[in-house]
């Protein structure tokens, strides 16, 4: 190899290594921004086929993989409500929520094992493959949660043990639109009284997903301390609650359907790979220290 070819080869190797290093840095490093917004994803049914209120098993698995490949990790609704973000540096929090307490969200077989095609089964399997993604999820239930009374106590204990939460959705899926806080508290207390008989003693409920998206009327701060966060059906990423633009009792969610994935994430149907496209919103990126905010002010 003559000198000219040797210099060209060395230059090519250096350029290739530099690109590889830059690519690797991109995979692990995002600039911390803890004033950005957090996607709270909303699911209802998980089933074999895709319908308006049903995410298919295949697409749900792809959702999780896309999130993981794009630097997201699971955050609990409890931590969100408490302005606590135990997220590794450079990672982005995402919150998974499931409304209505459907059997396909958490189903058990006759022998008490978890149905691998229910949401919990899928999340557990994904966690085995990618333990750094986390386990957190929140389930907003009404009467007869998950449809198997014989397993209800066991299911609630399992959710608690694996870092999941349940939240208020009223016993009868009651539309709370226009109701005063005093009436809403009575409705939620009835649900709490019933569920507390089978919930683990330390398991708490203090977030509410409004049935039908119906927001009560009046001074909603009167719902505190019973309710720390009120969740809408849609349709935006949420601010951290310390942000001046946050609306604690009108916290938005993103419906996990293809059109919303495209709208907010630039993600086309079925995509799972790392995306060069940026989210269509200013995204929360952790600095790795739950005790401070980066930057220190908006």
Protein backbone atom coordinates (compact mmCIF):
# COMPACT_ATOMS: atom_id res chain seq x y z
CA UNK A 1 0.00 0.00 0.00
CA UNK A 2 1.53 3.34 -1.05
CA UNK A 3 1.60 6.37 1.24
CA UNK A 4 -1.37 8.03 -0.39
CA UNK A 5 -3.57 4.95 0.04
CA UNK A 6 -2.35 4.49 3.63
CA UNK A 7 -3.33 8.06 4.55
CA UNK A 8 -6.73 7.59 2.92
CA UNK A 9 -7.30 4.34 4.83
CA UNK A 10 -6.34 5.93 8.16
CA UNK A 11 -8.65 8.88 7.48
CA UNK A 12 -11.52 6.51 6.63
CA UNK A 13 -11.02 4.47 9.83
CA UNK A 14 -10.88 7.63 11.97
CA UNK A 15 -14.01 9.02 10.35
CA UNK A 16 -15.85 5.71 10.80
CA UNK A 17 -14.88 5.46 14.46
CA UNK A 18 -15.89 9.06 15.04
CA UNK A 19 -19.30 8.45 13.53
CA UNK A 20 -19.71 5.28 15.56
CA UNK A 21 -18.78 7.14 18.74
CA UNK A 22 -21.19 9.96 17.93
CA UNK A 23 -23.91 7.46 17.18
CA UNK A 24 -23.27 5.69 20.47
CA UNK A 25 -23.37 9.00 22.33
CA UNK A 26 -26.68 9.82 20.68
CA UNK A 27 -28.06 6.51 21.90
CA UNK A 28 -27.23 7.19 25.52
CA UNK A 29 -27.23 10.95 25.87
CA UNK A 30 -30.01 13.51 25.60
CA UNK A 31 -29.61 17.02 26.96
CA UNK A 32 -31.42 17.24 30.34
CA UNK A 33 -34.54 19.39 30.27
CA UNK A 34 -36.84 18.89 33.24
CA UNK A 35 -39.28 21.57 32.12
CA UNK A 36 -40.32 19.58 29.10
CA UNK A 37 -43.52 17.57 28.76
CA UNK A 38 -44.27 13.97 29.66
CA UNK A 39 -46.42 11.61 27.59
CA UNK A 40 -49.13 9.90 29.63
CA UNK A 41 -50.39 7.18 27.31
CA UNK A 42 -53.99 5.98 27.50
CA UNK A 43 -55.06 2.41 26.69
CA UNK A 44 -58.41 0.70 27.07
CA UNK A 45 -58.62 -2.86 25.71
CA UNK A 46 -55.71 -5.06 24.69
CA UNK A 47 -56.91 -7.68 22.20
CA UNK A 48 -56.07 -9.76 19.13
CA UNK A 49 -57.21 -7.08 16.67
CA UNK A 50 -57.01 -3.31 16.41
CA UNK A 51 -60.25 -1.38 16.96
CA UNK A 52 -61.13 2.14 18.06
CA UNK A 53 -60.80 1.40 21.78
CA UNK A 54 -58.62 -1.70 21.45
CA UNK A 55 -54.87 -1.86 20.93
CA UNK A 56 -53.83 -5.16 19.40
CA UNK A 57 -51.40 -7.37 21.30
CA UNK A 58 -48.90 -7.05 18.44
CA UNK A 59 -49.13 -3.25 18.35
CA UNK A 60 -48.93 -2.93 22.13
CA UNK A 61 -45.68 -4.91 22.09
CA UNK A 62 -44.38 -2.67 19.32
CA UNK A 63 -45.36 0.42 21.32
CA UNK A 64 -43.25 -0.74 24.24
CA UNK A 65 -40.28 -1.59 22.05
CA UNK A 66 -40.40 1.77 20.26
CA UNK A 67 -40.48 3.58 23.60
CA UNK A 68 -37.55 1.58 24.90
CA UNK A 69 -35.50 2.09 21.74
CA UNK A 70 -36.14 5.83 21.93
CA UNK A 71 -34.83 6.34 25.48
CA UNK A 72 -38.11 6.22 27.40
CA UNK A 73 -38.48 4.54 30.77
CA UNK A 74 -41.62 4.00 32.81
CA UNK A 75 -42.61 6.47 35.49
CA UNK A 76 -45.35 5.74 38.00
CA UNK A 77 -48.35 8.03 38.26
CA UNK A 78 -47.57 8.14 41.99
CA UNK A 79 -44.13 9.61 41.36
CA UNK A 80 -45.57 12.03 38.83
CA UNK A 81 -48.17 13.21 41.36
CA UNK A 82 -45.40 13.79 43.91
CA UNK A 83 -43.06 15.63 41.52
CA UNK A 84 -40.50 12.86 41.98
CA UNK A 85 -38.57 11.68 38.93
CA UNK A 86 -36.21 8.77 39.68
CA UNK A 87 -35.18 8.57 36.03
CA UNK A 88 -31.63 7.86 34.78
CA UNK A 89 -29.76 10.74 33.20
CA UNK A 90 -30.64 11.27 29.56
CA UNK A 91 -33.78 9.16 29.74
CA UNK A 92 -37.34 10.34 29.16
CA UNK A 93 -40.28 9.37 31.39
CA UNK A 94 -43.48 7.89 30.00
CA UNK A 95 -46.56 6.92 32.03
CA UNK A 96 -48.83 4.05 31.00
CA UNK A 97 -52.49 4.28 32.01
CA UNK A 98 -55.31 1.82 31.38
CA UNK A 99 -58.96 2.79 31.79
CA UNK A 100 -61.99 0.69 32.78
CA UNK A 101 -60.23 -2.29 34.41
CA UNK A 102 -60.97 -4.67 31.53
CA UNK A 103 -60.17 -8.39 31.86
CA UNK A 104 -57.75 -8.15 28.95
CA UNK A 105 -55.68 -5.69 30.96
CA UNK A 106 -55.04 -8.21 33.72
CA UNK A 107 -56.31 -11.71 33.15
CA UNK A 108 -55.45 -14.87 35.06
CA UNK A 109 -55.78 -18.42 33.84
CA UNK A 110 -57.73 -20.97 35.88
CA UNK A 111 -54.55 -22.10 37.62
CA UNK A 112 -53.82 -18.54 38.76
CA UNK A 113 -51.03 -17.85 36.29
CA UNK A 114 -51.07 -14.58 34.36
CA UNK A 115 -52.41 -14.60 30.82
CA UNK A 116 -49.37 -13.70 28.68
CA UNK A 117 -51.59 -11.82 26.21
CA UNK A 118 -53.11 -9.51 28.81
CA UNK A 119 -51.47 -6.13 29.35
CA UNK A 120 -49.83 -7.22 32.60
CA UNK A 121 -48.54 -10.42 31.02
CA UNK A 122 -47.04 -8.46 28.13
CA UNK A 123 -45.50 -5.86 30.46
CA UNK A 124 -44.01 -8.56 32.68
CA UNK A 125 -42.50 -10.35 29.68
CA UNK A 126 -41.09 -7.10 28.34
CA UNK A 127 -39.56 -6.33 31.73
CA UNK A 128 -37.78 -9.68 31.71
CA UNK A 129 -36.16 -8.75 28.41
CA UNK A 130 -35.54 -5.09 29.26
CA UNK A 131 -35.47 -4.72 33.06
CA UNK A 132 -34.20 -1.13 32.89
CA UNK A 133 -37.46 -0.07 31.22
CA UNK A 134 -39.36 -0.52 34.51
CA UNK A 135 -42.72 -1.99 35.50
CA UNK A 136 -44.91 1.00 36.40
CA UNK A 137 -48.48 1.33 35.11
CA UNK A 138 -51.75 2.72 36.46
CA UNK A 139 -55.18 1.11 36.12
CA UNK A 140 -58.36 3.14 36.47
CA UNK A 141 -61.07 0.74 37.47
CA UNK A 142 -64.75 0.71 38.33
CA UNK A 143 -66.99 -2.02 39.79
CA UNK A 144 -65.68 -5.59 39.41
CA UNK A 145 -62.12 -4.65 38.37
CA UNK A 146 -60.62 -6.95 35.73
CA UNK A 147 -63.73 -9.15 35.69
CA UNK A 148 -62.53 -12.05 37.85
CA UNK A 149 -63.78 -11.63 41.41
CA UNK A 150 -62.17 -14.86 42.56
CA UNK A 151 -58.74 -13.45 41.71
CA UNK A 152 -59.31 -9.80 42.59
CA UNK A 153 -57.45 -9.75 45.89
CA UNK A 154 -54.55 -11.66 44.36
CA UNK A 155 -54.43 -9.28 41.40
CA UNK A 156 -54.41 -6.15 43.51
CA UNK A 157 -51.63 -7.58 45.68
CA UNK A 158 -49.63 -8.40 42.56
CA UNK A 159 -50.06 -4.90 41.17
CA UNK A 160 -48.85 -3.44 44.45
CA UNK A 161 -45.87 -5.80 44.67
CA UNK A 162 -44.75 -4.98 41.13
CA UNK A 163 -44.92 -1.20 41.44
CA UNK A 164 -48.26 -0.59 39.75
CA UNK A 165 -51.15 1.53 40.93
CA UNK A 166 -54.91 1.63 40.68
CA UNK A 167 -56.92 4.82 40.55
CA UNK A 168 -60.47 6.12 40.71
CA UNK A 169 -62.84 5.74 37.78
CA UNK A 170 -66.05 5.57 39.91
CA UNK A 171 -68.01 2.40 40.64
CA UNK A 172 -70.53 2.97 37.86
CA UNK A 173 -68.37 4.81 35.33
CA UNK A 174 -70.28 7.94 36.30
CA UNK A 175 -69.86 11.03 34.17
CA UNK A 176 -68.71 13.69 36.67
CA UNK A 177 -69.20 16.61 34.31
CA UNK A 178 -70.88 19.53 36.06
CA UNK A 179 -70.92 17.91 39.52
CA UNK A 180 -69.66 19.83 42.52
CA UNK A 181 -66.51 18.62 44.34
CA UNK A 182 -68.53 17.62 47.42
CA UNK A 183 -70.66 15.26 45.31
CA UNK A 184 -67.61 13.89 43.51
CA UNK A 185 -65.88 13.12 46.81
CA UNK A 186 -68.90 11.12 47.97
CA UNK A 187 -68.91 9.12 44.72
CA UNK A 188 -65.20 8.38 44.99
CA UNK A 189 -65.46 7.51 48.68
CA UNK A 190 -67.97 4.79 47.80
CA UNK A 191 -65.43 3.26 45.43
CA UNK A 192 -62.65 3.54 47.97
CA UNK A 193 -64.75 1.89 50.70
CA UNK A 194 -65.48 -1.08 48.46
CA UNK A 195 -61.97 -1.58 47.13
CA UNK A 196 -60.27 -1.08 50.50
CA UNK A 197 -61.76 -4.40 51.60
CA UNK A 198 -59.59 -6.27 49.12
CA UNK A 199 -56.64 -3.89 48.55
CA UNK A 200 -53.27 -4.38 50.27
CA UNK A 201 -53.24 -2.27 53.41
CA UNK A 202 -50.53 0.09 52.08
CA UNK A 203 -52.02 0.48 48.62
CA UNK A 204 -53.39 3.96 48.07
CA UNK A 205 -55.65 5.59 45.47
CA UNK A 206 -55.16 9.30 44.87
CA UNK A 207 -55.45 9.86 41.14
CA UNK A 208 -58.64 10.04 39.10
CA UNK A 209 -59.31 9.37 35.42
CA UNK A 210 -62.54 11.16 34.57
CA UNK A 211 -65.09 8.71 33.08
CA UNK A 212 -66.12 9.93 29.62
CA UNK A 213 -63.65 12.77 30.12
CA UNK A 214 -66.25 14.63 32.20
CA UNK A 215 -64.60 17.24 34.45
CA UNK A 216 -66.48 18.37 37.58
CA UNK A 217 -67.53 21.97 38.09
CA UNK A 218 -66.26 24.46 40.63
CA UNK A 219 -63.07 24.75 42.67
CA UNK A 220 -61.41 21.42 41.99
CA UNK A 221 -58.73 22.01 44.62
CA UNK A 222 -61.48 20.92 47.03
CA UNK A 223 -60.86 17.38 45.77
CA UNK A 224 -57.53 17.43 47.61
CA UNK A 225 -56.07 15.59 49.46
CA UNK A 226 -58.23 12.73 48.22
CA UNK A 227 -57.19 13.42 44.63
CA UNK A 228 -53.75 14.67 43.64
CA UNK A 229 -54.19 14.44 39.86
CA UNK A 230 -57.23 14.40 37.57
CA UNK A 231 -56.66 12.85 34.14
CA UNK A 232 -58.43 13.75 30.91
CA UNK A 233 -59.03 11.39 27.97
CA UNK A 234 -56.79 13.48 25.67
CA UNK A 235 -55.04 14.95 23.99
CA UNK A 236 -51.58 16.35 24.71
CA UNK A 237 -48.41 15.50 26.60
CA UNK A 238 -48.48 16.68 30.22
CA UNK A 239 -46.34 19.22 32.01
CA UNK A 240 -44.66 18.19 35.28
CA UNK A 241 -46.89 19.46 38.06
CA UNK A 242 -44.35 22.04 39.21
CA UNK A 243 -44.55 23.72 35.81
CA UNK A 244 -46.56 26.98 35.81
CA UNK A 245 -48.59 25.70 32.85
CA UNK A 246 -49.57 22.43 34.55
CA UNK A 247 -53.28 21.91 35.22
CA UNK A 248 -53.39 19.44 38.08
CA UNK A 249 -57.07 18.54 37.69
CA UNK A 250 -57.04 18.71 33.91
CA UNK A 251 -53.91 16.72 33.18
CA UNK A 252 -53.92 15.59 29.55
CA UNK A 253 -53.14 12.17 28.16
CA UNK A 254 -52.35 10.82 24.71
CA UNK A 255 -54.53 8.03 23.32
CA UNK A 256 -52.17 5.25 22.19
CA UNK A 257 -53.56 4.92 18.66
CA UNK A 258 -51.64 5.16 15.40
CA UNK A 259 -52.84 8.65 14.48
CA UNK A 260 -51.70 10.03 17.86
CA UNK A 261 -48.36 8.27 17.71
CA UNK A 262 -47.79 9.98 14.37
CA UNK A 263 -49.10 13.32 15.59
CA UNK A 264 -46.97 13.57 18.72
CA UNK A 265 -43.97 11.33 18.04
CA UNK A 266 -43.67 11.24 14.26
CA UNK A 267 -43.96 7.46 14.56
CA UNK A 268 -45.61 5.53 11.75
CA UNK A 269 -47.70 2.42 12.39
CA UNK A 270 -45.63 -0.57 13.43
CA UNK A 271 -42.31 1.25 13.80
CA UNK A 272 -40.06 -0.01 16.60
CA UNK A 273 -36.58 1.20 15.69
CA UNK A 274 -34.78 4.19 17.07
CA UNK A 275 -36.15 7.23 15.29
CA UNK A 276 -34.17 10.14 13.91
CA UNK A 277 -37.33 12.22 14.09
CA UNK A 278 -37.86 14.31 17.19
CA UNK A 279 -41.02 14.37 19.25
CA UNK A 280 -43.42 17.09 18.15
CA UNK A 281 -43.26 18.60 21.63
CA UNK A 282 -40.57 19.75 24.04
CA UNK A 283 -39.83 16.53 25.88
CA UNK A 284 -38.81 16.03 29.52
CA UNK A 285 -35.29 14.62 29.76
CA UNK A 286 -33.94 13.64 33.17
CA UNK A 287 -30.71 14.92 34.70
CA UNK A 288 -30.49 11.77 36.82
CA UNK A 289 -30.97 13.58 40.14
CA UNK A 290 -34.52 13.49 41.59
CA UNK A 291 -33.50 16.14 44.12
CA UNK A 292 -33.00 18.97 41.65
CA UNK A 293 -34.33 20.35 38.37
CA UNK A 294 -32.28 21.07 35.28
CA UNK A 295 -32.28 23.87 34.34
CA UNK A 296 -33.17 25.28 37.76
CA UNK A 297 -35.91 27.47 36.30
CA UNK A 298 -38.08 27.59 33.20
